Amino acid sequence: MIQAFVLIEAEPGRVEDLVHELAGMRLRQSVVKQIHAVTGRSNLIALVESPDLAALGD
């Protein structure tokens, strides 16, 4: 199993909605384990878990 942090740029008015929409989302073989709002260039950071690096790239 591999984990990665993904930085997400979002429209400021959508950040709170995206936190709820992305939490627990499944993307093929990957799963969004955690999602947090942050300040700076990116608005969100997601912890994504995948079975391997190839699946993470999908």
N, C-alpha and C. Protein backbone atom coordinates (compact mmCIF):
# COMPACT_ATOMS: atom_id res chain seq x y z
N MET A 1 0.85 -1.17 0.00
CA MET A 1 0.00 0.00 0.00
C MET A 1 0.90 1.24 0.00
N ILE A 2 0.50 2.25 -0.77
CA ILE A 2 1.24 3.50 -0.84
C ILE A 2 0.31 4.66 -0.49
N GLN A 3 0.84 5.66 0.19
CA GLN A 3 0.07 6.84 0.52
C GLN A 3 0.75 8.06 -0.07
N ALA A 4 -0.05 9.04 -0.48
CA ALA A 4 0.49 10.27 -1.05
C ALA A 4 -0.37 11.45 -0.62
N PHE A 5 0.28 12.60 -0.48
CA PHE A 5 -0.45 13.84 -0.22
C PHE A 5 -0.65 14.53 -1.56
N VAL A 6 -1.88 14.95 -1.82
CA VAL A 6 -2.22 15.62 -3.07
C VAL A 6 -2.68 17.04 -2.73
N LEU A 7 -2.02 18.04 -3.33
CA LEU A 7 -2.40 19.43 -3.13
C LEU A 7 -3.43 19.81 -4.17
N ILE A 8 -4.49 20.49 -3.75
CA ILE A 8 -5.60 20.82 -4.63
C ILE A 8 -5.86 22.33 -4.58
N GLU A 9 -5.91 22.96 -5.75
CA GLU A 9 -6.29 24.36 -5.84
C GLU A 9 -7.78 24.39 -6.17
N ALA A 10 -8.54 25.14 -5.39
CA ALA A 10 -9.99 25.22 -5.57
C ALA A 10 -10.44 26.67 -5.51
N GLU A 11 -11.60 26.93 -6.07
CA GLU A 11 -12.19 28.26 -5.95
C GLU A 11 -12.52 28.49 -4.47
N PRO A 12 -12.19 29.67 -3.93
CA PRO A 12 -12.41 29.91 -2.50
C PRO A 12 -13.82 29.59 -2.01
N GLY A 13 -14.84 29.85 -2.78
CA GLY A 13 -16.20 29.57 -2.38
C GLY A 13 -16.57 28.10 -2.37
N ARG A 14 -15.72 27.25 -2.95
CA ARG A 14 -16.01 25.81 -3.06
C ARG A 14 -15.25 24.96 -2.05
N VAL A 15 -14.34 25.54 -1.30
CA VAL A 15 -13.46 24.76 -0.42
C VAL A 15 -14.26 23.92 0.56
N GLU A 16 -15.18 24.52 1.27
CA GLU A 16 -15.94 23.77 2.28
C GLU A 16 -16.76 22.64 1.66
N ASP A 17 -17.38 22.90 0.51
CA ASP A 17 -18.15 21.87 -0.19
C ASP A 17 -17.25 20.72 -0.62
N LEU A 18 -16.07 21.04 -1.14
CA LEU A 18 -15.15 20.01 -1.62
C LEU A 18 -14.63 19.13 -0.49
N VAL A 19 -14.44 19.71 0.69
CA VAL A 19 -14.01 18.89 1.84
C VAL A 19 -15.00 17.75 2.05
N HIS A 20 -16.28 18.06 1.99
CA HIS A 20 -17.32 17.04 2.21
C HIS A 20 -17.45 16.10 1.00
N GLU A 21 -17.32 16.63 -0.20
CA GLU A 21 -17.47 15.82 -1.41
C GLU A 21 -16.32 14.83 -1.59
N LEU A 22 -15.11 15.24 -1.24
CA LEU A 22 -13.94 14.39 -1.48
C LEU A 22 -13.67 13.38 -0.37
N ALA A 23 -14.15 13.63 0.82
CA ALA A 23 -13.90 12.73 1.94
C ALA A 23 -14.42 11.32 1.63
N GLY A 24 -13.54 10.34 1.66
CA GLY A 24 -13.92 8.96 1.42
C GLY A 24 -14.13 8.58 -0.03
N MET A 25 -13.88 9.51 -0.95
CA MET A 25 -14.10 9.24 -2.37
C MET A 25 -13.18 8.11 -2.86
N ARG A 26 -13.74 7.24 -3.68
CA ARG A 26 -12.96 6.17 -4.31
C ARG A 26 -12.72 6.53 -5.76
N LEU A 27 -11.48 6.40 -6.20
CA LEU A 27 -11.07 6.70 -7.57
C LEU A 27 -10.36 5.46 -8.12
N ARG A 28 -11.07 4.66 -8.87
CA ARG A 28 -10.55 3.37 -9.34
C ARG A 28 -10.05 2.57 -8.17
N GLN A 29 -8.73 2.43 -8.02
CA GLN A 29 -8.18 1.63 -6.93
C GLN A 29 -7.73 2.48 -5.75
N SER A 30 -7.82 3.79 -5.86
CA SER A 30 -7.35 4.70 -4.81
C SER A 30 -8.52 5.19 -3.96
N VAL A 31 -8.21 5.58 -2.73
CA VAL A 31 -9.22 6.09 -1.80
C VAL A 31 -8.68 7.36 -1.15
N VAL A 32 -9.53 8.39 -1.07
CA VAL A 32 -9.18 9.60 -0.33
C VAL A 32 -9.42 9.29 1.15
N LYS A 33 -8.35 9.19 1.92
CA LYS A 33 -8.45 8.82 3.33
C LYS A 33 -8.75 10.02 4.21
N GLN A 34 -8.14 11.18 3.87
CA GLN A 34 -8.35 12.40 4.63
C GLN A 34 -8.33 13.58 3.68
N ILE A 35 -9.04 14.64 4.06
CA ILE A 35 -9.03 15.88 3.28
C ILE A 35 -9.07 17.04 4.27
N HIS A 36 -8.20 18.02 4.04
CA HIS A 36 -8.10 19.16 4.95
C HIS A 36 -7.98 20.45 4.17
N ALA A 37 -8.60 21.51 4.67
CA ALA A 37 -8.43 22.85 4.12
C ALA A 37 -7.11 23.41 4.66
N VAL A 38 -6.37 24.10 3.79
CA VAL A 38 -5.10 24.72 4.18
C VAL A 38 -5.03 26.12 3.59
N THR A 39 -4.07 26.90 4.04
CA THR A 39 -3.87 28.23 3.48
C THR A 39 -2.64 28.21 2.60
N GLY A 40 -2.55 29.16 1.71
CA GLY A 40 -1.42 29.25 0.80
C GLY A 40 -1.87 29.06 -0.63
N ARG A 41 -0.94 28.65 -1.49
CA ARG A 41 -1.25 28.47 -2.90
C ARG A 41 -2.33 27.42 -3.14
N SER A 42 -2.27 26.33 -2.39
CA SER A 42 -3.29 25.29 -2.48
C SER A 42 -4.34 25.53 -1.40
N ASN A 43 -5.56 25.10 -1.66
CA ASN A 43 -6.65 25.29 -0.72
C ASN A 43 -6.97 24.03 0.08
N LEU A 44 -6.62 22.88 -0.49
CA LEU A 44 -6.91 21.60 0.14
C LEU A 44 -5.70 20.69 0.04
N ILE A 45 -5.59 19.78 1.01
CA ILE A 45 -4.58 18.72 0.93
C ILE A 45 -5.30 17.41 1.23
N ALA A 46 -5.09 16.43 0.37
CA ALA A 46 -5.76 15.14 0.53
C ALA A 46 -4.72 14.04 0.75
N LEU A 47 -5.00 13.14 1.65
CA LEU A 47 -4.19 11.94 1.83
C LEU A 47 -4.87 10.83 1.05
N VAL A 48 -4.19 10.33 0.02
CA VAL A 48 -4.75 9.32 -0.87
C VAL A 48 -3.98 8.02 -0.68
N GLU A 49 -4.70 6.91 -0.62
CA GLU A 49 -4.10 5.59 -0.44
C GLU A 49 -4.38 4.74 -1.67
N SER A 50 -3.32 4.09 -2.18
CA SER A 50 -3.43 3.24 -3.37
C SER A 50 -2.64 1.96 -3.14
N PRO A 51 -2.97 0.92 -3.90
CA PRO A 51 -2.25 -0.33 -3.72
C PRO A 51 -0.79 -0.25 -4.19
N ASP A 52 -0.52 0.60 -5.19
CA ASP A 52 0.85 0.75 -5.69
C ASP A 52 0.98 2.09 -6.43
N LEU A 53 2.18 2.42 -6.85
CA LEU A 53 2.45 3.71 -7.50
C LEU A 53 1.71 3.85 -8.82
N ALA A 54 1.59 2.77 -9.57
CA ALA A 54 0.87 2.82 -10.85
C ALA A 54 -0.60 3.18 -10.63
N ALA A 55 -1.22 2.58 -9.63
CA ALA A 55 -2.63 2.87 -9.34
C ALA A 55 -2.80 4.30 -8.85
N LEU A 56 -1.82 4.82 -8.15
CA LEU A 56 -1.88 6.20 -7.67
C LEU A 56 -1.89 7.16 -8.86
N GLY A 57 -1.15 6.85 -9.90
CA GLY A 57 -1.09 7.69 -11.09
C GLY A 57 -2.39 7.70 -11.88
N ASP A 58 -3.21 6.67 -11.70
CA ASP A 58 -4.50 6.61 -12.42
C ASP A 58 -5.45 7.59 -11.79
